[in-house]
Amino acid sequence: MVKVLFVCTGNICRSPTAHGVFRAFVREAGLEDRIHTDSAGTSGYHVGDPPDRRSLELARQRGYDLSDLRARRVTVGDFRDFDHILAMDHGHLDALRRMAPRDSTADVRLFLDYAPDWPVREVPDPYYGGALGFVEVLEMVEAASRGLLGRIRQGF
C-alpha cells in the first residue's frame, strides 16, 4: 500500500482539493486497494471543519466529491505512516521538514514537483481571493495528480 498525504495551512482549500482529486484518479485507475490518500494542515485552525465551500462547489462541478473530508493537523506519526508527504508551497515544505522526526520514512516534497510542465512550483492559497484562484488551484492539482499517479504506478 502506497500512502500519500497532501498538506497546506489549514486543510480546507488546497490539500483537501488535492486529496479529493487524487482519490478520484486512484479510484478511476482501479487502484483503491493499493493507494491510500489523506490530507492535513500545518496549523490546527480548522480541525474538524469541512473544506471551504468554494472548494467543495468547484470540485463538485468538475465531478470530485470532497464532502466527506474534514480538516486535521499533521502529526509526527504521519512521517512514519505515509510514503509521500506533499506540500502545497515552500512555507509548508519548510514547516514539514522542521516537524519531521529523525526516523521519518516519508518522501517530503512540493506537490507541483509532479507537474514539471507547470510554470510555477507552488500551489497558491485561494482563500482570500476570488473564484478564479480556486479554478487555478484545481487545474494545478489535476496536473500534479496525473504526474504523481503515473510515478506511483511505475513502482508497481
N, C-alpha and C. Protein backbone atom coordinates (compact mmCIF):
# COMPACT_ATOMS: atom_id res chain seq x y z
N MET A 1 0.84 -1.19 0.00
CA MET A 1 0.00 0.00 0.00
C MET A 1 0.88 1.24 0.00
N VAL A 2 0.68 2.13 -0.96
CA VAL A 2 1.37 3.40 -1.02
C VAL A 2 0.45 4.43 -0.37
N LYS A 3 1.01 5.21 0.56
CA LYS A 3 0.20 6.20 1.29
C LYS A 3 0.70 7.61 0.98
N VAL A 4 -0.26 8.48 0.60
CA VAL A 4 0.03 9.84 0.18
C VAL A 4 -0.72 10.83 1.07
N LEU A 5 0.00 11.82 1.60
CA LEU A 5 -0.60 12.88 2.42
C LEU A 5 -0.35 14.22 1.75
N PHE A 6 -1.42 14.99 1.53
CA PHE A 6 -1.33 16.32 0.96
C PHE A 6 -1.44 17.34 2.09
N VAL A 7 -0.59 18.38 2.06
CA VAL A 7 -0.54 19.32 3.18
C VAL A 7 -0.59 20.77 2.70
N CYS A 8 -1.45 21.56 3.36
CA CYS A 8 -1.47 23.01 3.21
C CYS A 8 -1.55 23.62 4.61
N THR A 9 -2.01 24.83 4.74
CA THR A 9 -2.01 25.50 6.04
C THR A 9 -3.12 24.99 6.95
N GLY A 10 -4.37 25.19 6.55
CA GLY A 10 -5.48 24.83 7.43
C GLY A 10 -6.24 23.59 7.02
N ASN A 11 -5.87 23.01 5.89
CA ASN A 11 -6.51 21.80 5.38
C ASN A 11 -7.99 22.03 5.03
N ILE A 12 -8.26 23.22 4.43
CA ILE A 12 -9.64 23.46 4.00
C ILE A 12 -9.74 23.87 2.53
N CYS A 13 -8.64 24.20 1.86
CA CYS A 13 -8.71 24.59 0.45
C CYS A 13 -7.84 23.70 -0.44
N ARG A 14 -6.54 23.94 -0.39
CA ARG A 14 -5.64 23.26 -1.33
C ARG A 14 -5.48 21.77 -1.06
N SER A 15 -5.14 21.41 0.17
CA SER A 15 -4.87 19.98 0.42
C SER A 15 -6.11 19.10 0.34
N PRO A 16 -7.31 19.55 0.79
CA PRO A 16 -8.46 18.67 0.56
C PRO A 16 -8.83 18.57 -0.92
N THR A 17 -8.57 19.63 -1.68
CA THR A 17 -8.80 19.55 -3.12
C THR A 17 -7.87 18.50 -3.72
N ALA A 18 -6.60 18.53 -3.35
CA ALA A 18 -5.65 17.53 -3.84
C ALA A 18 -6.07 16.13 -3.40
N HIS A 19 -6.48 16.00 -2.15
CA HIS A 19 -6.93 14.73 -1.60
C HIS A 19 -8.08 14.16 -2.44
N GLY A 20 -9.11 14.98 -2.66
CA GLY A 20 -10.28 14.52 -3.40
C GLY A 20 -10.01 14.23 -4.86
N VAL A 21 -9.23 15.07 -5.50
CA VAL A 21 -8.91 14.86 -6.92
C VAL A 21 -8.05 13.62 -7.09
N PHE A 22 -6.99 13.50 -6.27
CA PHE A 22 -6.11 12.34 -6.41
C PHE A 22 -6.87 11.05 -6.08
N ARG A 23 -7.71 11.10 -5.06
CA ARG A 23 -8.52 9.93 -4.70
C ARG A 23 -9.40 9.51 -5.87
N ALA A 24 -9.98 10.47 -6.58
CA ALA A 24 -10.81 10.15 -7.75
C ALA A 24 -9.97 9.52 -8.86
N PHE A 25 -8.77 10.05 -9.08
CA PHE A 25 -7.88 9.46 -10.10
C PHE A 25 -7.51 8.02 -9.72
N VAL A 26 -7.23 7.81 -8.44
CA VAL A 26 -6.88 6.47 -7.96
C VAL A 26 -8.06 5.51 -8.16
N ARG A 27 -9.25 5.98 -7.82
CA ARG A 27 -10.46 5.16 -8.00
C ARG A 27 -10.66 4.83 -9.47
N GLU A 28 -10.52 5.84 -10.33
CA GLU A 28 -10.71 5.64 -11.76
C GLU A 28 -9.70 4.64 -12.31
N ALA A 29 -8.50 4.61 -11.75
CA ALA A 29 -7.45 3.69 -12.19
C ALA A 29 -7.62 2.29 -11.58
N GLY A 30 -8.60 2.14 -10.68
CA GLY A 30 -8.83 0.85 -10.04
C GLY A 30 -7.75 0.48 -9.03
N LEU A 31 -7.14 1.49 -8.41
CA LEU A 31 -6.02 1.24 -7.50
C LEU A 31 -6.33 1.58 -6.04
N GLU A 32 -7.61 1.61 -5.70
CA GLU A 32 -8.00 1.96 -4.32
C GLU A 32 -7.43 1.00 -3.28
N ASP A 33 -7.19 -0.23 -3.67
CA ASP A 33 -6.64 -1.20 -2.72
C ASP A 33 -5.11 -1.11 -2.63
N ARG A 34 -4.50 -0.22 -3.45
CA ARG A 34 -3.04 -0.11 -3.45
C ARG A 34 -2.53 1.28 -3.10
N ILE A 35 -3.41 2.28 -3.13
CA ILE A 35 -3.01 3.66 -2.83
C ILE A 35 -4.00 4.27 -1.84
N HIS A 36 -3.49 4.77 -0.73
CA HIS A 36 -4.30 5.44 0.29
C HIS A 36 -3.98 6.94 0.24
N THR A 37 -5.01 7.76 0.34
CA THR A 37 -4.87 9.22 0.24
C THR A 37 -5.45 9.89 1.47
N ASP A 38 -4.78 10.95 1.94
CA ASP A 38 -5.26 11.74 3.08
C ASP A 38 -4.76 13.16 2.90
N SER A 39 -5.21 14.06 3.78
CA SER A 39 -4.74 15.44 3.75
C SER A 39 -4.72 15.97 5.17
N ALA A 40 -3.90 17.02 5.37
CA ALA A 40 -3.76 17.63 6.70
C ALA A 40 -3.23 19.04 6.54
N GLY A 41 -3.23 19.77 7.64
CA GLY A 41 -2.73 21.13 7.65
C GLY A 41 -1.55 21.27 8.59
N THR A 42 -0.74 22.29 8.34
CA THR A 42 0.38 22.57 9.25
C THR A 42 -0.10 23.29 10.50
N SER A 43 -1.31 23.85 10.46
CA SER A 43 -1.88 24.51 11.63
C SER A 43 -3.17 23.80 12.03
N GLY A 44 -3.62 24.08 13.22
CA GLY A 44 -4.85 23.45 13.71
C GLY A 44 -6.05 24.37 13.70
N TYR A 45 -6.01 25.45 12.91
CA TYR A 45 -7.08 26.44 12.89
C TYR A 45 -8.46 25.86 12.57
N HIS A 46 -8.51 24.89 11.71
CA HIS A 46 -9.80 24.41 11.19
C HIS A 46 -10.07 22.94 11.49
N VAL A 47 -9.40 22.36 12.46
CA VAL A 47 -9.56 20.93 12.76
C VAL A 47 -11.04 20.59 12.90
N GLY A 48 -11.46 19.57 12.16
CA GLY A 48 -12.84 19.11 12.19
C GLY A 48 -13.76 19.78 11.19
N ASP A 49 -13.29 20.85 10.56
CA ASP A 49 -14.13 21.58 9.60
C ASP A 49 -14.11 20.90 8.23
N PRO A 50 -15.20 21.06 7.47
CA PRO A 50 -15.20 20.57 6.09
C PRO A 50 -14.38 21.52 5.22
N PRO A 51 -14.09 21.14 3.99
CA PRO A 51 -13.40 22.04 3.08
C PRO A 51 -14.20 23.33 2.86
N ASP A 52 -13.50 24.38 2.47
CA ASP A 52 -14.11 25.66 2.14
C ASP A 52 -15.22 25.42 1.11
N ARG A 53 -16.32 26.14 1.27
CA ARG A 53 -17.48 25.94 0.39
C ARG A 53 -17.13 26.16 -1.08
N ARG A 54 -16.20 27.07 -1.36
CA ARG A 54 -15.81 27.33 -2.75
C ARG A 54 -15.04 26.14 -3.32
N SER A 55 -14.20 25.53 -2.51
CA SER A 55 -13.50 24.31 -2.95
C SER A 55 -14.50 23.18 -3.20
N LEU A 56 -15.43 23.02 -2.27
CA LEU A 56 -16.45 21.97 -2.41
C LEU A 56 -17.25 22.14 -3.69
N GLU A 57 -17.70 23.36 -3.95
CA GLU A 57 -18.56 23.61 -5.10
C GLU A 57 -17.83 23.42 -6.42
N LEU A 58 -16.65 23.98 -6.54
CA LEU A 58 -15.90 23.83 -7.79
C LEU A 58 -15.54 22.37 -8.03
N ALA A 59 -15.11 21.69 -6.99
CA ALA A 59 -14.79 20.26 -7.14
C ALA A 59 -16.03 19.49 -7.59
N ARG A 60 -17.17 19.77 -6.97
CA ARG A 60 -18.40 19.08 -7.34
C ARG A 60 -18.73 19.33 -8.81
N GLN A 61 -18.56 20.57 -9.27
CA GLN A 61 -18.83 20.90 -10.67
C GLN A 61 -17.94 20.11 -11.62
N ARG A 62 -16.75 19.77 -11.17
CA ARG A 62 -15.80 19.01 -12.01
C ARG A 62 -15.89 17.50 -11.77
N GLY A 63 -16.81 17.08 -10.90
CA GLY A 63 -17.01 15.65 -10.69
C GLY A 63 -16.23 15.05 -9.53
N TYR A 64 -15.70 15.88 -8.64
CA TYR A 64 -14.96 15.40 -7.47
C TYR A 64 -15.77 15.64 -6.21
N ASP A 65 -15.81 14.65 -5.34
CA ASP A 65 -16.56 14.76 -4.09
C ASP A 65 -15.60 14.95 -2.92
N LEU A 66 -15.69 16.11 -2.26
CA LEU A 66 -14.87 16.40 -1.09
C LEU A 66 -15.71 16.43 0.19
N SER A 67 -17.00 16.12 0.08
CA SER A 67 -17.93 16.34 1.17
C SER A 67 -17.64 15.52 2.43
N ASP A 68 -16.95 14.40 2.30
CA ASP A 68 -16.65 13.57 3.48
C ASP A 68 -15.36 13.99 4.18
N LEU A 69 -14.62 14.92 3.62
CA LEU A 69 -13.32 15.30 4.17
C LEU A 69 -13.48 16.28 5.33
N ARG A 70 -12.61 16.15 6.35
CA ARG A 70 -12.58 17.04 7.49
C ARG A 70 -11.13 17.40 7.79
N ALA A 71 -10.92 18.65 8.16
CA ALA A 71 -9.56 19.13 8.40
C ALA A 71 -8.95 18.46 9.63
N ARG A 72 -7.67 18.22 9.52
CA ARG A 72 -6.88 17.71 10.64
C ARG A 72 -5.49 18.33 10.54
N ARG A 73 -4.74 18.20 11.59
CA ARG A 73 -3.39 18.74 11.62
C ARG A 73 -2.38 17.62 11.40
N VAL A 74 -1.28 17.93 10.75
CA VAL A 74 -0.18 16.97 10.56
C VAL A 74 0.32 16.52 11.93
N THR A 75 0.63 15.23 12.05
CA THR A 75 1.19 14.68 13.28
C THR A 75 2.58 14.12 13.01
N VAL A 76 3.35 13.94 14.06
CA VAL A 76 4.67 13.33 13.93
C VAL A 76 4.54 11.92 13.35
N GLY A 77 3.50 11.21 13.73
CA GLY A 77 3.27 9.86 13.21
C GLY A 77 3.08 9.80 11.71
N ASP A 78 2.61 10.90 11.12
CA ASP A 78 2.42 10.93 9.67
C ASP A 78 3.73 10.69 8.92
N PHE A 79 4.84 11.08 9.52
CA PHE A 79 6.14 10.93 8.86
C PHE A 79 6.60 9.48 8.82
N ARG A 80 5.96 8.64 9.62
CA ARG A 80 6.24 7.19 9.59
C ARG A 80 5.15 6.44 8.82
N ASP A 81 3.94 7.00 8.85
CA ASP A 81 2.79 6.30 8.26
C ASP A 81 2.64 6.52 6.76
N PHE A 82 3.16 7.63 6.25
CA PHE A 82 2.96 7.96 4.84
C PHE A 82 4.27 7.83 4.06
N ASP A 83 4.13 7.39 2.81
CA ASP A 83 5.29 7.28 1.92
C ASP A 83 5.63 8.61 1.29
N HIS A 84 4.59 9.39 0.98
CA HIS A 84 4.76 10.69 0.32
C HIS A 84 3.98 11.73 1.11
N ILE A 85 4.67 12.80 1.51
CA ILE A 85 4.01 13.95 2.14
C ILE A 85 4.28 15.13 1.22
N LEU A 86 3.20 15.66 0.65
CA LEU A 86 3.33 16.64 -0.43
C LEU A 86 2.80 18.01 0.00
N ALA A 87 3.72 18.97 0.03
CA ALA A 87 3.42 20.33 0.46
C ALA A 87 2.93 21.17 -0.71
N MET A 88 2.01 22.07 -0.42
CA MET A 88 1.48 22.94 -1.45
C MET A 88 2.41 24.11 -1.76
N ASP A 89 3.21 24.55 -0.78
CA ASP A 89 4.14 25.65 -1.04
C ASP A 89 5.40 25.50 -0.19
N HIS A 90 6.36 26.39 -0.43
CA HIS A 90 7.65 26.29 0.28
C HIS A 90 7.51 26.50 1.79
N GLY A 91 6.56 27.32 2.21
CA GLY A 91 6.32 27.50 3.64
C GLY A 91 5.90 26.20 4.31
N HIS A 92 5.01 25.46 3.65
CA HIS A 92 4.59 24.16 4.18
C HIS A 92 5.75 23.17 4.16
N LEU A 93 6.51 23.21 3.09
CA LEU A 93 7.65 22.31 2.97
C LEU A 93 8.65 22.55 4.10
N ASP A 94 8.95 23.80 4.37
CA ASP A 94 9.87 24.13 5.47
C ASP A 94 9.30 23.68 6.81
N ALA A 95 8.01 23.93 7.04
CA ALA A 95 7.37 23.52 8.30
C ALA A 95 7.42 22.00 8.46
N LEU A 96 7.15 21.28 7.39
CA LEU A 96 7.18 19.82 7.45
C LEU A 96 8.58 19.30 7.74
N ARG A 97 9.57 19.90 7.12
CA ARG A 97 10.95 19.46 7.36
C ARG A 97 11.37 19.73 8.80
N ARG A 98 10.89 20.81 9.39
CA ARG A 98 11.17 21.09 10.80
C ARG A 98 10.47 20.10 11.72
N MET A 99 9.28 19.68 11.34
CA MET A 99 8.48 18.76 12.15
C MET A 99 8.97 17.31 12.06
N ALA A 100 9.59 16.97 10.96
CA ALA A 100 9.92 15.56 10.69
C ALA A 100 10.86 14.99 11.75
N PRO A 101 10.49 13.85 12.33
CA PRO A 101 11.39 13.20 13.28
C PRO A 101 12.56 12.55 12.55
N ARG A 102 13.59 12.25 13.28
CA ARG A 102 14.79 11.64 12.67
C ARG A 102 14.49 10.33 11.96
N ASP A 103 13.51 9.60 12.47
CA ASP A 103 13.20 8.30 11.87
C ASP A 103 12.11 8.39 10.79
N SER A 104 11.90 9.58 10.25
CA SER A 104 10.91 9.75 9.19
C SER A 104 11.27 8.89 7.98
N THR A 105 10.26 8.23 7.43
CA THR A 105 10.46 7.42 6.23
C THR A 105 9.78 8.03 5.02
N ALA A 106 9.11 9.16 5.22
CA ALA A 106 8.35 9.79 4.15
C ALA A 106 9.24 10.60 3.22
N ASP A 107 8.87 10.60 1.95
CA ASP A 107 9.46 11.49 0.95
C ASP A 107 8.66 12.79 1.02
N VAL A 108 9.29 13.86 1.52
CA VAL A 108 8.62 15.14 1.70
C VAL A 108 9.09 16.08 0.60
N ARG A 109 8.14 16.59 -0.19
CA ARG A 109 8.49 17.46 -1.31
C ARG A 109 7.29 18.32 -1.69
N LEU A 110 7.49 19.21 -2.64
CA LEU A 110 6.40 20.02 -3.17
C LEU A 110 5.53 19.18 -4.09
N PHE A 111 4.23 19.36 -3.98
CA PHE A 111 3.29 18.62 -4.82
C PHE A 111 3.51 18.91 -6.29
N LEU A 112 3.79 20.18 -6.63
CA LEU A 112 3.96 20.52 -8.04
C LEU A 112 5.26 19.99 -8.64
N ASP A 113 6.08 19.32 -7.85
CA ASP A 113 7.21 18.59 -8.43
C ASP A 113 6.71 17.54 -9.42
N TYR A 114 5.45 17.12 -9.24
CA TYR A 114 4.86 16.11 -10.13
C TYR A 114 4.15 16.73 -11.33
N ALA A 115 4.26 18.04 -11.48
CA ALA A 115 3.72 18.74 -12.66
C ALA A 115 4.83 19.61 -13.24
N PRO A 116 5.89 18.97 -13.78
CA PRO A 116 7.07 19.73 -14.22
C PRO A 116 6.80 20.73 -15.33
N ASP A 117 5.72 20.55 -16.06
CA ASP A 117 5.41 21.48 -17.15
C ASP A 117 4.66 22.72 -16.66
N TRP A 118 4.23 22.68 -15.40
CA TRP A 118 3.53 23.85 -14.86
C TRP A 118 4.59 24.92 -14.59
N PRO A 119 4.33 26.18 -14.90
CA PRO A 119 5.37 27.22 -14.82
C PRO A 119 5.76 27.67 -13.41
N VAL A 120 5.05 27.23 -12.39
CA VAL A 120 5.38 27.60 -11.00
C VAL A 120 5.55 26.34 -10.17
N ARG A 121 6.12 26.47 -8.99
CA ARG A 121 6.36 25.31 -8.13
C ARG A 121 5.43 25.26 -6.92
N GLU A 122 4.68 26.35 -6.69
CA GLU A 122 3.80 26.40 -5.52
C GLU A 122 2.34 26.53 -5.94
N VAL A 123 1.47 25.83 -5.20
CA VAL A 123 0.03 25.98 -5.37
C VAL A 123 -0.38 27.16 -4.49
N PRO A 124 -0.87 28.26 -5.09
CA PRO A 124 -1.19 29.46 -4.30
C PRO A 124 -2.43 29.26 -3.43
N ASP A 125 -2.47 29.98 -2.33
CA ASP A 125 -3.62 29.92 -1.43
C ASP A 125 -4.76 30.75 -2.01
N PRO A 126 -5.90 30.13 -2.34
CA PRO A 126 -7.00 30.88 -2.94
C PRO A 126 -7.95 31.50 -1.92
N TYR A 127 -7.74 31.24 -0.64
CA TYR A 127 -8.70 31.56 0.41
C TYR A 127 -9.18 33.01 0.39
N TYR A 128 -8.27 33.95 0.27
CA TYR A 128 -8.64 35.37 0.34
C TYR A 128 -8.92 36.00 -1.02
N GLY A 129 -8.87 35.20 -2.07
CA GLY A 129 -9.09 35.72 -3.41
C GLY A 129 -10.46 35.35 -3.94
N GLY A 130 -10.61 35.51 -5.22
CA GLY A 130 -11.89 35.23 -5.87
C GLY A 130 -11.96 33.82 -6.44
N ALA A 131 -13.02 33.59 -7.18
CA ALA A 131 -13.29 32.27 -7.74
C ALA A 131 -12.20 31.77 -8.68
N LEU A 132 -11.56 32.68 -9.41
CA LEU A 132 -10.52 32.26 -10.35
C LEU A 132 -9.34 31.60 -9.65
N GLY A 133 -9.05 31.99 -8.44
CA GLY A 133 -7.98 31.36 -7.68
C GLY A 133 -8.28 29.90 -7.40
N PHE A 134 -9.52 29.58 -7.13
CA PHE A 134 -9.91 28.19 -6.87
C PHE A 134 -9.84 27.37 -8.15
N VAL A 135 -10.18 27.98 -9.27
CA VAL A 135 -10.07 27.30 -10.57
C VAL A 135 -8.60 26.98 -10.86
N GLU A 136 -7.73 27.97 -10.65
CA GLU A 136 -6.30 27.76 -10.88
C GLU A 136 -5.76 26.63 -10.00
N VAL A 137 -6.14 26.63 -8.74
CA VAL A 137 -5.70 25.58 -7.82
C VAL A 137 -6.16 24.22 -8.32
N LEU A 138 -7.40 24.10 -8.72
CA LEU A 138 -7.92 22.82 -9.20
C LEU A 138 -7.16 22.35 -10.44
N GLU A 139 -6.86 23.25 -11.34
CA GLU A 139 -6.11 22.86 -12.54
C GLU A 139 -4.69 22.41 -12.20
N MET A 140 -4.05 23.09 -11.28
CA MET A 140 -2.71 22.68 -10.84
C MET A 140 -2.76 21.30 -10.19
N VAL A 141 -3.76 21.11 -9.34
CA VAL A 141 -3.92 19.85 -8.62
C VAL A 141 -4.17 18.70 -9.60
N GLU A 142 -4.98 18.93 -10.60
CA GLU A 142 -5.23 17.87 -11.58
C GLU A 142 -3.94 17.50 -12.30
N ALA A 143 -3.17 18.49 -12.72
CA ALA A 143 -1.91 18.21 -13.42
C ALA A 143 -0.94 17.44 -12.53
N ALA A 144 -0.76 17.88 -11.30
CA ALA A 144 0.18 17.22 -10.40
C ALA A 144 -0.33 15.83 -10.01
N SER A 145 -1.63 15.67 -9.89
CA SER A 145 -2.20 14.36 -9.54
C SER A 145 -1.94 13.34 -10.65
N ARG A 146 -2.07 13.78 -11.90
CA ARG A 146 -1.76 12.87 -13.02
C ARG A 146 -0.30 12.44 -12.97
N GLY A 147 0.59 13.41 -12.73
CA GLY A 147 2.01 13.09 -12.65
C GLY A 147 2.34 12.18 -11.49
N LEU A 148 1.76 12.45 -10.34
CA LEU A 148 2.00 11.62 -9.15
C LEU A 148 1.50 10.20 -9.37
N LEU A 149 0.31 10.06 -9.88
CA LEU A 149 -0.23 8.72 -10.12
C LEU A 149 0.64 7.96 -11.11
N GLY A 150 1.08 8.63 -12.15
CA GLY A 150 1.98 7.98 -13.11
C GLY A 150 3.27 7.51 -12.46
N ARG A 151 3.84 8.34 -11.60
CA ARG A 151 5.09 7.97 -10.91
C ARG A 151 4.86 6.78 -9.98
N ILE A 152 3.76 6.79 -9.22
CA ILE A 152 3.48 5.68 -8.31
C ILE A 152 3.25 4.40 -9.08
N ARG A 153 2.52 4.49 -10.20
CA ARG A 153 2.26 3.29 -11.00
C ARG A 153 3.54 2.66 -11.54
N GLN A 154 4.54 3.48 -11.80
CA GLN A 154 5.83 2.95 -12.28
C GLN A 154 6.46 2.03 -11.23
N GLY A 155 6.14 2.26 -9.97
CA GLY A 155 6.72 1.47 -8.90
C GLY A 155 6.00 0.15 -8.64
N PHE A 156 4.86 -0.05 -9.28
CA PHE A 156 4.10 -1.29 -9.05
C PHE A 156 4.64 -2.43 -9.88
